[in-house]
Amino acid sequence: MVARAGEGYLLLGKKLYGLLLIILGFVLTATGIYSTSMGLATLGILSLIAGLILLALKIARRNEGSQIK
């Protein structure tokens, strides 16, 4: 389904920021584990979680009107 015109940019923003946070999270986690920096690895994991939450919110918002009965 196509998003409503006013909400389209918001949903696109959540998707892009979510993907960016996931990629950043993978990079930070890998760097933190490789350099044995627990703080950097923790920051990467938190970034991954934030990215996944943004994508989940975007998907839930998109599927809000199409409930299967």
N, C-alpha and C. Protein backbone atom coordinates (compact mmCIF):
# COMPACT_ATOMS: atom_id res chain seq x y z
N MET A 1 0.83 -1.17 0.00
CA MET A 1 0.00 0.00 0.00
C MET A 1 0.88 1.24 0.00
N VAL A 2 0.38 2.27 -0.58
CA VAL A 2 1.08 3.53 -0.62
C VAL A 2 0.77 4.32 0.64
N ALA A 3 1.81 4.89 1.24
CA ALA A 3 1.60 5.70 2.45
C ALA A 3 0.89 6.99 2.09
N ARG A 4 0.20 7.54 3.07
CA ARG A 4 -0.46 8.82 2.85
C ARG A 4 0.59 9.89 2.59
N ALA A 5 0.22 10.93 1.83
CA ALA A 5 1.19 11.93 1.38
C ALA A 5 1.92 12.60 2.54
N GLY A 6 1.24 12.96 3.59
CA GLY A 6 1.87 13.65 4.71
C GLY A 6 2.79 12.77 5.52
N GLU A 7 2.52 11.49 5.56
CA GLU A 7 3.30 10.58 6.37
C GLU A 7 4.39 9.88 5.57
N GLY A 8 4.41 10.05 4.27
CA GLY A 8 5.38 9.36 3.43
C GLY A 8 6.81 9.69 3.78
N TYR A 9 7.10 10.97 4.01
CA TYR A 9 8.46 11.36 4.33
C TYR A 9 8.89 10.86 5.69
N LEU A 10 7.96 10.83 6.63
CA LEU A 10 8.27 10.33 7.97
C LEU A 10 8.60 8.85 7.93
N LEU A 11 7.81 8.07 7.19
CA LEU A 11 8.07 6.64 7.09
C LEU A 11 9.37 6.36 6.35
N LEU A 12 9.65 7.14 5.30
CA LEU A 12 10.89 6.98 4.57
C LEU A 12 12.07 7.33 5.46
N GLY A 13 11.92 8.37 6.26
CA GLY A 13 12.98 8.77 7.18
C GLY A 13 13.28 7.69 8.21
N LYS A 14 12.22 7.09 8.77
CA LYS A 14 12.42 6.02 9.74
C LYS A 14 13.13 4.83 9.10
N LYS A 15 12.77 4.53 7.87
CA LYS A 15 13.39 3.39 7.19
C LYS A 15 14.87 3.66 6.93
N LEU A 16 15.18 4.85 6.41
CA LEU A 16 16.57 5.18 6.11
C LEU A 16 17.42 5.28 7.38
N TYR A 17 16.89 5.96 8.40
CA TYR A 17 17.64 6.06 9.66
C TYR A 17 17.79 4.69 10.32
N GLY A 18 16.78 3.86 10.21
CA GLY A 18 16.88 2.52 10.77
C GLY A 18 17.96 1.70 10.08
N LEU A 19 18.00 1.75 8.76
CA LEU A 19 19.04 1.03 8.02
C LEU A 19 20.42 1.59 8.31
N LEU A 20 20.53 2.91 8.41
CA LEU A 20 21.81 3.53 8.74
C LEU A 20 22.29 3.12 10.13
N LEU A 21 21.38 3.09 11.08
CA LEU A 21 21.75 2.69 12.44
C LEU A 21 22.16 1.22 12.49
N ILE A 22 21.50 0.38 11.71
CA ILE A 22 21.87 -1.04 11.68
C ILE A 22 23.26 -1.22 11.10
N ILE A 23 23.55 -0.55 10.00
CA ILE A 23 24.89 -0.65 9.40
C ILE A 23 25.95 -0.10 10.35
N LEU A 24 25.67 1.06 10.94
CA LEU A 24 26.60 1.65 11.91
C LEU A 24 26.79 0.72 13.11
N GLY A 25 25.73 0.09 13.54
CA GLY A 25 25.82 -0.84 14.66
C GLY A 25 26.70 -2.03 14.37
N PHE A 26 26.57 -2.59 13.16
CA PHE A 26 27.43 -3.71 12.77
C PHE A 26 28.90 -3.28 12.74
N VAL A 27 29.16 -2.11 12.18
CA VAL A 27 30.55 -1.63 12.08
C VAL A 27 31.13 -1.37 13.48
N LEU A 28 30.38 -0.69 14.33
CA LEU A 28 30.87 -0.39 15.67
C LEU A 28 31.05 -1.65 16.50
N THR A 29 30.13 -2.60 16.37
CA THR A 29 30.25 -3.85 17.13
C THR A 29 31.48 -4.64 16.68
N ALA A 30 31.67 -4.74 15.37
CA ALA A 30 32.83 -5.48 14.85
C ALA A 30 34.13 -4.80 15.27
N THR A 31 34.17 -3.47 15.19
CA THR A 31 35.37 -2.73 15.59
C THR A 31 35.62 -2.88 17.08
N GLY A 32 34.58 -2.81 17.88
CA GLY A 32 34.72 -2.96 19.33
C GLY A 32 35.20 -4.34 19.74
N ILE A 33 34.71 -5.36 19.06
CA ILE A 33 35.14 -6.72 19.38
C ILE A 33 36.59 -6.94 18.92
N TYR A 34 36.91 -6.42 17.75
CA TYR A 34 38.27 -6.59 17.22
C TYR A 34 39.30 -5.88 18.08
N SER A 35 38.97 -4.67 18.55
CA SER A 35 39.93 -3.90 19.34
C SER A 35 39.74 -4.12 20.85
N THR A 36 38.92 -5.05 21.23
CA THR A 36 38.60 -5.38 22.63
C THR A 36 38.16 -4.15 23.43
N SER A 37 37.37 -3.30 22.79
CA SER A 37 36.82 -2.13 23.46
C SER A 37 35.35 -2.41 23.79
N MET A 38 35.09 -2.68 25.05
CA MET A 38 33.73 -3.04 25.46
C MET A 38 32.76 -1.88 25.24
N GLY A 39 33.20 -0.64 25.44
CA GLY A 39 32.33 0.51 25.25
C GLY A 39 31.90 0.67 23.80
N LEU A 40 32.82 0.48 22.87
CA LEU A 40 32.50 0.59 21.46
C LEU A 40 31.57 -0.53 21.01
N ALA A 41 31.80 -1.73 21.51
CA ALA A 41 30.92 -2.86 21.18
C ALA A 41 29.52 -2.62 21.74
N THR A 42 29.42 -2.09 22.94
CA THR A 42 28.12 -1.79 23.55
C THR A 42 27.39 -0.71 22.75
N LEU A 43 28.12 0.31 22.32
CA LEU A 43 27.52 1.37 21.51
C LEU A 43 27.00 0.79 20.18
N GLY A 44 27.73 -0.14 19.61
CA GLY A 44 27.29 -0.80 18.38
C GLY A 44 26.02 -1.61 18.58
N ILE A 45 25.96 -2.33 19.68
CA ILE A 45 24.78 -3.14 19.97
C ILE A 45 23.56 -2.24 20.20
N LEU A 46 23.76 -1.13 20.92
CA LEU A 46 22.66 -0.20 21.14
C LEU A 46 22.19 0.43 19.83
N SER A 47 23.12 0.70 18.93
CA SER A 47 22.77 1.24 17.63
C SER A 47 21.98 0.22 16.81
N LEU A 48 22.37 -1.03 16.88
CA LEU A 48 21.62 -2.10 16.21
C LEU A 48 20.19 -2.17 16.74
N ILE A 49 20.04 -2.13 18.04
CA ILE A 49 18.72 -2.22 18.65
C ILE A 49 17.85 -1.04 18.23
N ALA A 50 18.43 0.17 18.23
CA ALA A 50 17.67 1.36 17.84
C ALA A 50 17.23 1.27 16.38
N GLY A 51 18.11 0.78 15.52
CA GLY A 51 17.76 0.62 14.11
C GLY A 51 16.64 -0.39 13.91
N LEU A 52 16.70 -1.49 14.64
CA LEU A 52 15.65 -2.50 14.53
C LEU A 52 14.32 -1.98 15.04
N ILE A 53 14.35 -1.17 16.10
CA ILE A 53 13.11 -0.59 16.62
C ILE A 53 12.49 0.36 15.60
N LEU A 54 13.33 1.20 14.96
CA LEU A 54 12.79 2.12 13.95
C LEU A 54 12.17 1.36 12.78
N LEU A 55 12.81 0.29 12.33
CA LEU A 55 12.23 -0.50 11.25
C LEU A 55 10.95 -1.20 11.68
N ALA A 56 10.92 -1.69 12.91
CA ALA A 56 9.70 -2.35 13.40
C ALA A 56 8.55 -1.35 13.50
N LEU A 57 8.84 -0.12 13.95
CA LEU A 57 7.80 0.90 14.01
C LEU A 57 7.28 1.25 12.62
N LYS A 58 8.18 1.30 11.65
CA LYS A 58 7.78 1.62 10.29
C LYS A 58 6.87 0.52 9.73
N ILE A 59 7.22 -0.72 9.96
CA ILE A 59 6.42 -1.84 9.45
C ILE A 59 5.07 -1.89 10.17
N ALA A 60 5.07 -1.68 11.48
CA ALA A 60 3.81 -1.70 12.23
C ALA A 60 2.89 -0.58 11.77
N ARG A 61 3.46 0.58 11.51
CA ARG A 61 2.65 1.73 11.05
C ARG A 61 2.08 1.46 9.67
N ARG A 62 2.87 0.83 8.80
CA ARG A 62 2.42 0.55 7.45
C ARG A 62 1.29 -0.48 7.46
N ASN A 63 1.37 -1.46 8.33
CA ASN A 63 0.39 -2.54 8.38
C ASN A 63 -0.77 -2.26 9.32
N GLU A 64 -0.83 -1.06 9.84
CA GLU A 64 -1.85 -0.69 10.82
C GLU A 64 -3.27 -0.85 10.27
N GLY A 65 -3.51 -0.47 9.04
CA GLY A 65 -4.85 -0.50 8.49
C GLY A 65 -5.27 -1.83 7.91
N SER A 66 -4.32 -2.73 7.70
CA SER A 66 -4.66 -3.98 7.03
C SER A 66 -4.57 -5.15 8.02
N GLN A 67 -5.46 -5.18 8.97
CA GLN A 67 -5.52 -6.26 9.95
C GLN A 67 -6.24 -7.47 9.34
N ILE A 68 -5.65 -8.64 9.49
CA ILE A 68 -6.27 -9.87 9.00
C ILE A 68 -7.28 -10.34 10.04
N LYS A 69 -8.50 -10.60 9.59
CA LYS A 69 -9.56 -11.01 10.51
C LYS A 69 -9.89 -12.45 10.32
